[in-house]
Amino acid sequence: MSATVTPSGMPLDPRRNQSIGNLVCMASMMVWAAGFPAAEILLKTWDPLALIAARFCVAVLVLVVVWLALEGGRAVLGAPWIKGARIGGLAFGLGAWLLLVAQAATDAVTVSIIAAAVPIAAVLIEILTEGRRLNWRLGVGLLASVFGGIIASGAGSCSAALSASALWGVGAAVLSCFLFAWGSHRSVLGLPDVSALGRTTVTLAGGLVVTGVLFLAGHFVGLVPLPQGALQGQALSLLGIYAIGGMALSQFLWIISVARLGVGLASFHINVAPFYVMLIFLALGQGWSWPQALGAAIVALGVIVAQR
């Protein structure tokens, strides 16, 4: 990954760059986690594919408006929309749908176990594309991140039977993890002349195209119903939290952190998200979870070891 520079063109101190990257990544995961309670309520009346498509739609609309306001029409119109949409459509659109397919074919426990292994996919991508060397510190940090993520997700056992459909679901989940890691990597390295806000917008626009087409096709054949009460006040508020905070802002911060840390190290933070979700539910009156706290501590230790 190329060195980060300040607006004046001077190189940014590597330790400061790393510290900022970690703080931004933590903020990204916290905002992302805030969308889970909203999604839990929305899924009672929304089909999952309809909710994913609506989430992308709201997020992209908000990002385009903010991008226009901050950088002007020339930056927006001159952006590499097609290239960014190809990256985002494959990585974030198809990846989101595959994760949905995986959960339908297996169960939430199986998917959470596989999702905890996203750092493995991210590090492999850096090894294959950038020649990153897997030293012992990175290896220990990687193992700690995966192990801590499995504990934090509450995935103590996998209940899915090894049927043909379950194997297909596992494969879909693994592919989704690789697509997300690859897309995050390419969003930074493949769009070097676009701001972080622009990268976020054009790639999520690709995700909107893919999920929107899948939703319309599913609705046309009668498999995906329209949500009940989608335009009511509470539903709109929850969708705003889930899309604007949990996707638009979170993805924007995530892209910034990947640019500073690399997708491998940034992905370690993903496995702390269940702990942040627990803290949010704790504030809403639910109980403390020691497994999630322990898992988060293990992941944090892995982040520290890997970055020394």
Protein backbone atom coordinates (compact mmCIF):
# COMPACT_ATOMS: atom_id res chain seq x y z
CA MET A 1 0.00 0.00 0.00
CA SER A 2 1.35 3.43 -0.92
CA ALA A 3 2.32 5.87 1.80
CA THR A 4 -0.35 8.25 3.04
CA VAL A 5 0.35 11.97 2.71
CA THR A 6 -1.07 15.04 4.38
CA PRO A 7 -2.91 17.76 2.40
CA SER A 8 0.38 19.67 2.19
CA GLY A 9 2.01 16.71 0.44
CA MET A 10 4.25 15.70 3.36
CA PRO A 11 4.32 12.00 4.33
CA LEU A 12 2.18 11.14 7.34
CA ASP A 13 4.00 9.55 10.29
CA PRO A 14 3.37 5.77 10.03
CA ARG A 15 2.48 5.38 13.72
CA ARG A 16 0.10 8.31 13.62
CA ASN A 17 -1.36 7.00 10.36
CA GLN A 18 -1.90 3.61 11.99
CA SER A 19 -3.48 5.12 15.10
CA ILE A 20 -5.88 7.23 13.04
CA GLY A 21 -6.72 4.20 10.91
CA ASN A 22 -7.57 2.11 13.96
CA LEU A 23 -9.75 4.85 15.47
CA VAL A 24 -11.62 5.39 12.21
CA CYS A 25 -12.11 1.63 11.81
CA MET A 26 -13.48 1.35 15.35
CA ALA A 27 -15.91 4.18 14.58
CA SER A 28 -16.96 2.39 11.39
CA MET A 29 -17.72 -0.81 13.28
CA MET A 30 -19.63 1.04 16.01
CA VAL A 31 -21.84 2.81 13.47
CA TRP A 32 -22.31 -0.44 11.54
CA ALA A 33 -23.32 -2.22 14.74
CA ALA A 34 -25.95 0.46 15.42
CA GLY A 35 -27.85 -0.74 12.37
CA PHE A 36 -28.42 -4.26 13.72
CA PRO A 37 -31.13 -3.39 16.27
CA ALA A 38 -32.98 -1.45 13.57
CA ALA A 39 -32.66 -4.37 11.14
CA GLU A 40 -33.99 -6.80 13.73
CA ILE A 41 -37.24 -4.80 13.97
CA LEU A 42 -37.55 -4.19 10.22
CA LEU A 43 -37.13 -7.88 9.36
CA LYS A 44 -40.40 -8.61 11.14
CA THR A 45 -42.28 -6.96 8.26
CA TRP A 46 -39.68 -6.81 5.44
CA ASP A 47 -38.40 -9.56 3.19
CA PRO A 48 -34.59 -9.69 3.61
CA LEU A 49 -33.87 -9.05 -0.08
CA ALA A 50 -36.29 -6.11 -0.15
CA LEU A 51 -34.60 -4.65 2.92
CA ILE A 52 -31.13 -5.04 1.42
CA ALA A 53 -32.20 -3.28 -1.79
CA ALA A 54 -33.91 -0.47 0.14
CA ARG A 55 -30.84 -0.06 2.32
CA PHE A 56 -28.59 0.38 -0.71
CA CYS A 57 -31.07 2.80 -2.31
CA VAL A 58 -31.30 5.13 0.70
CA ALA A 59 -27.55 4.98 1.36
CA VAL A 60 -26.62 5.85 -2.23
CA LEU A 61 -29.14 8.70 -2.46
CA VAL A 62 -27.79 10.29 0.72
CA LEU A 63 -24.17 9.82 -0.35
CA VAL A 64 -24.78 11.42 -3.77
CA VAL A 65 -26.39 14.47 -2.14
CA VAL A 66 -23.53 14.85 0.35
CA TRP A 67 -20.92 14.31 -2.36
CA LEU A 68 -22.51 17.01 -4.56
CA ALA A 69 -22.64 19.44 -1.64
CA LEU A 70 -19.01 18.89 -0.60
CA GLU A 71 -17.16 18.38 -3.89
CA GLY A 72 -19.46 19.77 -6.57
CA GLY A 73 -21.05 18.44 -9.72
CA ARG A 74 -17.80 18.21 -11.66
CA ALA A 75 -16.35 15.67 -9.22
CA VAL A 76 -19.55 13.63 -9.22
CA LEU A 77 -20.11 13.64 -12.99
CA GLY A 78 -16.43 13.00 -13.73
CA ALA A 79 -16.11 10.05 -11.36
CA PRO A 80 -15.43 6.53 -12.74
CA TRP A 81 -19.00 5.34 -12.12
CA ILE A 82 -18.81 2.30 -14.37
CA LYS A 83 -15.55 1.01 -12.91
CA GLY A 84 -16.72 1.69 -9.35
CA ALA A 85 -20.09 0.07 -10.03
CA ARG A 86 -18.40 -3.05 -11.36
CA ILE A 87 -16.36 -3.35 -8.18
CA GLY A 88 -19.28 -2.61 -5.86
CA GLY A 89 -21.82 -4.67 -7.77
CA LEU A 90 -19.65 -7.77 -7.60
CA ALA A 91 -18.25 -7.26 -4.10
CA PHE A 92 -21.04 -5.61 -2.12
CA GLY A 93 -24.18 -6.34 -4.15
CA LEU A 94 -23.55 -9.96 -5.11
CA GLY A 95 -21.75 -10.49 -1.79
CA ALA A 96 -24.78 -9.31 0.21
CA TRP A 97 -27.08 -11.59 -1.77
CA LEU A 98 -24.78 -14.60 -1.34
CA LEU A 99 -24.72 -14.05 2.42
CA LEU A 100 -28.52 -14.06 2.39
CA VAL A 101 -28.51 -17.29 0.35
CA ALA A 102 -26.01 -18.80 2.79
CA GLN A 103 -28.20 -18.12 5.81
CA ALA A 104 -31.27 -19.51 4.04
CA ALA A 105 -29.40 -22.71 3.15
CA THR A 106 -27.74 -23.18 6.56
CA ASP A 107 -28.43 -21.10 9.67
CA ALA A 108 -27.27 -17.94 11.43
CA VAL A 109 -24.70 -19.82 13.52
CA THR A 110 -22.96 -21.29 10.49
CA VAL A 111 -22.89 -17.95 8.71
CA SER A 112 -21.51 -16.16 11.77
CA ILE A 113 -18.68 -18.70 12.08
CA ILE A 114 -17.70 -18.22 8.44
CA ALA A 115 -18.10 -14.43 8.60
CA ALA A 116 -15.65 -14.37 11.53
CA ALA A 117 -13.03 -15.63 9.09
CA VAL A 118 -13.19 -12.50 6.89
CA PRO A 119 -9.67 -11.46 8.08
CA ILE A 120 -8.29 -14.68 6.58
CA ALA A 121 -9.77 -13.77 3.20
CA ALA A 122 -8.47 -10.20 3.51
CA VAL A 123 -4.92 -11.24 4.39
CA LEU A 124 -4.87 -13.83 1.59
CA ILE A 125 -5.89 -11.13 -0.89
CA GLU A 126 -3.02 -8.91 0.28
CA ILE A 127 -0.59 -11.82 0.03
CA LEU A 128 -1.72 -12.63 -3.51
CA THR A 129 -2.02 -9.07 -4.84
CA GLU A 130 0.61 -7.11 -2.89
CA GLY A 131 3.13 -9.74 -1.84
CA ARG A 132 2.47 -9.22 1.87
CA ARG A 133 4.53 -11.64 3.98
CA LEU A 134 2.81 -13.57 6.75
CA ASN A 135 5.15 -13.07 9.71
CA TRP A 136 4.53 -14.55 13.13
CA ARG A 137 2.96 -11.40 14.58
CA LEU A 138 0.44 -11.15 11.76
CA GLY A 139 -0.25 -14.88 12.04
CA VAL A 140 -0.90 -14.69 15.79
CA GLY A 141 -3.06 -11.61 15.34
CA LEU A 142 -5.02 -13.31 12.57
CA LEU A 143 -5.70 -16.41 14.67
CA ALA A 144 -6.72 -14.26 17.64
CA SER A 145 -9.10 -12.23 15.46
CA VAL A 146 -10.82 -15.31 14.02
CA PHE A 147 -11.01 -17.14 17.37
CA GLY A 148 -12.25 -14.04 19.17
CA GLY A 149 -14.78 -13.38 16.43
CA ILE A 150 -16.24 -16.86 16.74
CA ILE A 151 -16.58 -16.45 20.52
CA ALA A 152 -18.04 -12.95 20.23
CA SER A 153 -20.62 -14.06 17.68
CA GLY A 154 -21.87 -16.71 20.08
CA ALA A 155 -21.17 -19.40 17.50
CA GLY A 156 -20.33 -22.22 19.84
CA SER A 157 -21.54 -24.96 17.54
CA CYS A 158 -22.69 -25.39 13.96
CA SER A 159 -26.14 -26.88 13.68
CA ALA A 160 -26.39 -27.14 9.90
CA ALA A 161 -26.37 -30.65 8.52
CA LEU A 162 -23.85 -31.42 5.79
CA SER A 163 -26.52 -31.77 3.12
CA ALA A 164 -26.06 -30.59 -0.45
CA SER A 165 -27.96 -27.39 0.25
CA ALA A 166 -25.92 -26.76 3.41
CA LEU A 167 -22.66 -27.22 1.52
CA TRP A 168 -23.91 -24.78 -1.10
CA GLY A 169 -24.72 -22.34 1.68
CA VAL A 170 -21.26 -22.67 3.21
CA GLY A 171 -19.69 -22.08 -0.20
CA ALA A 172 -21.86 -18.99 -0.74
CA ALA A 173 -20.82 -17.57 2.64
CA VAL A 174 -17.11 -18.17 1.95
CA LEU A 175 -17.40 -16.53 -1.47
CA SER A 176 -19.24 -13.58 0.08
CA CYS A 177 -16.38 -13.04 2.54
CA PHE A 178 -13.80 -13.06 -0.24
CA LEU A 179 -15.88 -10.70 -2.38
CA PHE A 180 -16.24 -8.20 0.47
CA ALA A 181 -12.51 -8.26 1.22
CA TRP A 182 -11.62 -7.99 -2.47
CA GLY A 183 -14.07 -5.15 -3.03
CA SER A 184 -12.75 -3.18 -0.06
CA HIS A 185 -9.21 -3.64 -1.37
CA ARG A 186 -10.09 -2.62 -4.93
CA SER A 187 -12.16 0.36 -3.77
CA VAL A 188 -8.95 1.91 -2.49
CA LEU A 189 -6.32 0.72 -4.98
CA GLY A 190 -8.55 0.62 -8.07
CA LEU A 191 -9.91 4.17 -7.67
CA PRO A 192 -6.81 6.17 -6.64
CA ASP A 193 -7.97 9.51 -8.05
CA VAL A 194 -11.34 9.53 -6.27
CA SER A 195 -11.96 10.76 -2.72
CA ALA A 196 -13.06 8.37 0.01
CA LEU A 197 -16.58 9.77 -0.29
CA GLY A 198 -16.56 9.21 -4.03
CA ARG A 199 -15.21 5.67 -3.71
CA THR A 200 -17.92 4.85 -1.22
CA THR A 201 -20.67 6.25 -3.42
CA VAL A 202 -19.75 4.71 -6.76
CA THR A 203 -19.10 1.25 -5.31
CA LEU A 204 -22.32 1.20 -3.28
CA ALA A 205 -24.14 2.33 -6.42
CA GLY A 206 -22.98 -0.91 -8.01
CA GLY A 207 -24.38 -2.80 -5.04
CA LEU A 208 -27.68 -0.97 -5.51
CA VAL A 209 -27.88 -2.04 -9.16
CA VAL A 210 -27.33 -5.72 -8.34
CA THR A 211 -29.62 -5.92 -5.31
CA GLY A 212 -32.25 -3.77 -7.04
CA VAL A 213 -32.36 -6.11 -10.04
CA LEU A 214 -32.53 -9.16 -7.77
CA PHE A 215 -35.38 -7.60 -5.78
CA LEU A 216 -37.38 -6.61 -8.86
CA ALA A 217 -36.91 -10.06 -10.40
CA GLY A 218 -37.93 -11.77 -7.17
CA HIS A 219 -40.98 -9.52 -6.78
CA PHE A 220 -42.00 -10.06 -10.41
CA VAL A 221 -42.12 -13.85 -9.98
CA GLY A 222 -43.90 -13.55 -6.63
CA LEU A 223 -41.02 -14.64 -4.37
CA VAL A 224 -40.26 -11.28 -2.72
CA PRO A 225 -43.29 -9.37 -1.36
CA LEU A 226 -43.38 -5.65 -0.77
CA PRO A 227 -42.98 -4.71 2.91
CA GLN A 228 -46.02 -3.82 4.97
CA GLY A 229 -46.08 -0.28 6.33
CA ALA A 230 -42.84 0.67 4.56
CA LEU A 231 -43.72 4.37 4.43
CA GLN A 232 -44.82 4.76 8.04
CA GLY A 233 -42.86 6.98 10.41
CA GLN A 234 -41.22 4.32 12.57
CA ALA A 235 -40.26 2.14 9.61
CA LEU A 236 -38.73 5.12 7.80
CA SER A 237 -36.77 6.12 10.89
CA LEU A 238 -35.42 2.62 11.36
CA LEU A 239 -34.54 2.36 7.67
CA GLY A 240 -32.71 5.66 7.97
CA ILE A 241 -30.62 4.33 10.86
CA TYR A 242 -29.95 1.05 9.07
CA ALA A 243 -29.07 2.62 5.70
CA ILE A 244 -27.54 6.02 6.49
CA GLY A 245 -25.67 5.09 9.66
CA GLY A 246 -25.23 1.35 9.25
CA MET A 247 -24.21 1.51 5.57
CA ALA A 248 -23.43 4.97 4.15
CA LEU A 249 -21.45 6.40 7.08
CA SER A 250 -20.02 3.05 8.13
CA GLN A 251 -18.77 2.22 4.62
CA PHE A 252 -17.29 5.70 4.21
CA LEU A 253 -15.28 5.30 7.43
CA TRP A 254 -14.37 1.74 6.45
CA ILE A 255 -12.88 2.86 3.12
CA ILE A 256 -10.79 5.49 4.95
CA SER A 257 -9.49 2.89 7.40
CA VAL A 258 -8.63 0.42 4.63
CA ALA A 259 -6.62 3.15 2.89
CA ARG A 260 -4.59 3.67 6.09
CA LEU A 261 -4.29 0.12 7.46
CA GLY A 262 -4.79 -2.14 4.46
CA VAL A 263 -7.77 -4.45 4.16
CA GLY A 264 -6.05 -7.23 6.12
CA LEU A 265 -5.50 -5.34 9.37
CA ALA A 266 -8.71 -3.31 9.04
CA SER A 267 -10.74 -6.51 8.71
CA PHE A 268 -9.61 -7.62 12.19
CA HIS A 269 -11.92 -4.95 13.62
CA ILE A 270 -14.99 -6.57 12.01
CA ASN A 271 -14.95 -9.30 14.64
CA VAL A 272 -15.44 -6.76 17.45
CA ALA A 273 -18.82 -5.75 15.98
CA PRO A 274 -20.83 -8.32 18.03
CA PHE A 275 -19.48 -6.69 21.18
CA TYR A 276 -20.63 -3.25 20.01
CA VAL A 277 -24.05 -4.70 19.19
CA MET A 278 -24.21 -6.15 22.70
CA LEU A 279 -23.38 -2.73 24.19
CA ILE A 280 -26.21 -1.15 22.20
CA PHE A 281 -28.69 -3.78 23.36
CA LEU A 282 -27.33 -3.34 26.90
CA ALA A 283 -28.25 0.35 26.68
CA LEU A 284 -31.73 -0.73 25.55
CA GLY A 285 -32.19 -2.85 28.65
CA GLN A 286 -30.80 -6.26 27.72
CA GLY A 287 -28.11 -8.11 29.67
CA TRP A 288 -24.32 -8.18 29.57
CA SER A 289 -22.66 -10.99 27.60
CA TRP A 290 -19.31 -12.21 28.93
CA PRO A 291 -18.58 -14.37 25.82
CA GLN A 292 -18.93 -11.32 23.58
CA ALA A 293 -16.76 -9.24 25.90
CA LEU A 294 -14.12 -12.00 26.00
CA GLY A 295 -14.23 -12.37 22.22
CA ALA A 296 -13.80 -8.63 21.74
CA ALA A 297 -10.81 -8.62 24.11
CA ILE A 298 -9.16 -11.45 22.18
CA VAL A 299 -9.70 -9.65 18.88
CA ALA A 300 -8.31 -6.40 20.33
CA LEU A 301 -5.23 -8.30 21.52
CA GLY A 302 -4.81 -9.72 18.03
CA VAL A 303 -5.00 -6.23 16.51
CA ILE A 304 -2.28 -4.99 18.89
CA VAL A 305 0.05 -7.94 18.26
CA ALA A 306 -0.37 -7.81 14.46
CA GLN A 307 0.39 -4.08 14.27
CA ARG A 308 3.44 -3.89 16.50
